[in-house]
Amino acid sequence: MATKYKIATSLLIFGIICFVSFYLIGSEVDENGYLHEPFFLLPIGFICICLSMILYVVFAIAKKK
């Protein structure tokens, strides 16, 4: 597998790991009414998955040419 596909695949896997860890960690409300959740994992996961899909499309277009 070419290095460029390894980068795109690793971004995809990291994005999936972010989503899975968000749901495994969970959310809780403390006694003061504050919500504690790992919200930062959601945008990181979306960015990684979107970047990997963009890279796959760019590599596919470059391969055709």
C-alpha atoms as a PDB file:
ATOM      1  CA  MET A   1       0.000   0.000   0.000  1.00  0.00           C
ATOM      2  CA  ALA A   2       1.358   3.393  -0.942  1.00  0.00           C
ATOM      3  CA  THR A   3       2.257   5.900   1.742  1.00  0.00           C
ATOM      4  CA  LYS A   4      -0.474   8.271   0.627  1.00  0.00           C
ATOM      5  CA  TYR A   5      -3.127   5.622   1.239  1.00  0.00           C
ATOM      6  CA  LYS A   6      -1.623   4.851   4.646  1.00  0.00           C
ATOM      7  CA  ILE A   7      -2.053   8.480   5.636  1.00  0.00           C
ATOM      8  CA  ALA A   8      -5.671   8.569   4.502  1.00  0.00           C
ATOM      9  CA  THR A   9      -6.429   5.237   6.180  1.00  0.00           C
ATOM     10  CA  SER A  10      -4.806   6.289   9.446  1.00  0.00           C
ATOM     11  CA  LEU A  11      -6.887   9.483   9.463  1.00  0.00           C
ATOM     12  CA  LEU A  12     -10.017   7.420   8.925  1.00  0.00           C
ATOM     13  CA  ILE A  13      -9.135   5.025  11.732  1.00  0.00           C
ATOM     14  CA  PHE A  14      -8.266   7.897  14.091  1.00  0.00           C
ATOM     15  CA  GLY A  15     -11.616   9.548  13.345  1.00  0.00           C
ATOM     16  CA  ILE A  16     -13.479   6.320  14.098  1.00  0.00           C
ATOM     17  CA  ILE A  17     -11.484   5.914  17.326  1.00  0.00           C
ATOM     18  CA  CYS A  18     -12.527   9.439  18.352  1.00  0.00           C
ATOM     19  CA  PHE A  19     -16.220   8.608  17.883  1.00  0.00           C
ATOM     20  CA  VAL A  20     -15.977   5.270  19.674  1.00  0.00           C
ATOM     21  CA  SER A  21     -14.081   6.767  22.601  1.00  0.00           C
ATOM     22  CA  PHE A  22     -16.650   9.593  22.870  1.00  0.00           C
ATOM     23  CA  TYR A  23     -19.427   7.046  23.325  1.00  0.00           C
ATOM     24  CA  LEU A  24     -17.372   4.800  25.616  1.00  0.00           C
ATOM     25  CA  ILE A  25     -16.334   7.639  27.931  1.00  0.00           C
ATOM     26  CA  GLY A  26     -19.898   8.922  28.173  1.00  0.00           C
ATOM     27  CA  SER A  27     -21.356  12.036  29.761  1.00  0.00           C
ATOM     28  CA  GLU A  28     -22.346  12.901  33.278  1.00  0.00           C
ATOM     29  CA  VAL A  29     -23.929  15.765  35.158  1.00  0.00           C
ATOM     30  CA  ASP A  30     -22.321  16.642  38.478  1.00  0.00           C
ATOM     31  CA  GLU A  31     -24.136  17.792  41.617  1.00  0.00           C
ATOM     32  CA  ASN A  32     -23.868  21.453  40.550  1.00  0.00           C
ATOM     33  CA  GLY A  33     -25.618  20.776  37.255  1.00  0.00           C
ATOM     34  CA  TYR A  34     -22.562  20.979  35.014  1.00  0.00           C
ATOM     35  CA  LEU A  35     -22.337  18.622  32.074  1.00  0.00           C
ATOM     36  CA  HIS A  36     -19.010  16.798  31.766  1.00  0.00           C
ATOM     37  CA  GLU A  37     -18.412  15.155  28.418  1.00  0.00           C
ATOM     38  CA  PRO A  38     -15.474  14.771  26.008  1.00  0.00           C
ATOM     39  CA  PHE A  39     -17.064  17.007  23.364  1.00  0.00           C
ATOM     40  CA  PHE A  40     -13.704  17.821  21.765  1.00  0.00           C
ATOM     41  CA  LEU A  41     -13.598  14.291  20.326  1.00  0.00           C
ATOM     42  CA  LEU A  42     -16.562  14.929  18.014  1.00  0.00           C
ATOM     43  CA  PRO A  43     -15.096  17.760  15.904  1.00  0.00           C
ATOM     44  CA  ILE A  44     -11.717  16.015  15.795  1.00  0.00           C
ATOM     45  CA  GLY A  45     -13.426  12.853  14.552  1.00  0.00           C
ATOM     46  CA  PHE A  46     -15.416  14.710  11.897  1.00  0.00           C
ATOM     47  CA  ILE A  47     -12.344  16.594  10.672  1.00  0.00           C
ATOM     48  CA  CYS A  48     -10.263  13.414  10.437  1.00  0.00           C
ATOM     49  CA  ILE A  49     -12.946  11.490   8.559  1.00  0.00           C
ATOM     50  CA  CYS A  50     -13.607  14.377   6.168  1.00  0.00           C
ATOM     51  CA  LEU A  51      -9.896  14.815   5.487  1.00  0.00           C
ATOM     52  CA  SER A  52      -9.480  11.114   4.812  1.00  0.00           C
ATOM     53  CA  MET A  53     -12.396  11.101   2.363  1.00  0.00           C
ATOM     54  CA  ILE A  54     -10.983  14.155   0.585  1.00  0.00           C
ATOM     55  CA  LEU A  55      -7.580  12.480   0.345  1.00  0.00           C
ATOM     56  CA  TYR A  56      -9.105   9.288  -1.051  1.00  0.00           C
ATOM     57  CA  VAL A  57     -10.916  11.300  -3.738  1.00  0.00           C
ATOM     58  CA  VAL A  58      -7.801  13.320  -4.608  1.00  0.00           C
ATOM     59  CA  PHE A  59      -5.684  10.156  -4.848  1.00  0.00           C
ATOM     60  CA  ALA A  60      -8.285   8.452  -7.027  1.00  0.00           C
ATOM     61  CA  ILE A  61      -8.425  11.416  -9.393  1.00  0.00           C
ATOM     62  CA  ALA A  62      -4.627  11.626  -9.505  1.00  0.00           C
ATOM     63  CA  LYS A  63      -4.382   7.902 -10.245  1.00  0.00           C
ATOM     64  CA  LYS A  64      -6.710   8.208 -13.256  1.00  0.00           C
ATOM     65  CA  LYS A  65      -4.567  10.910 -14.844  1.00  0.00           C
END
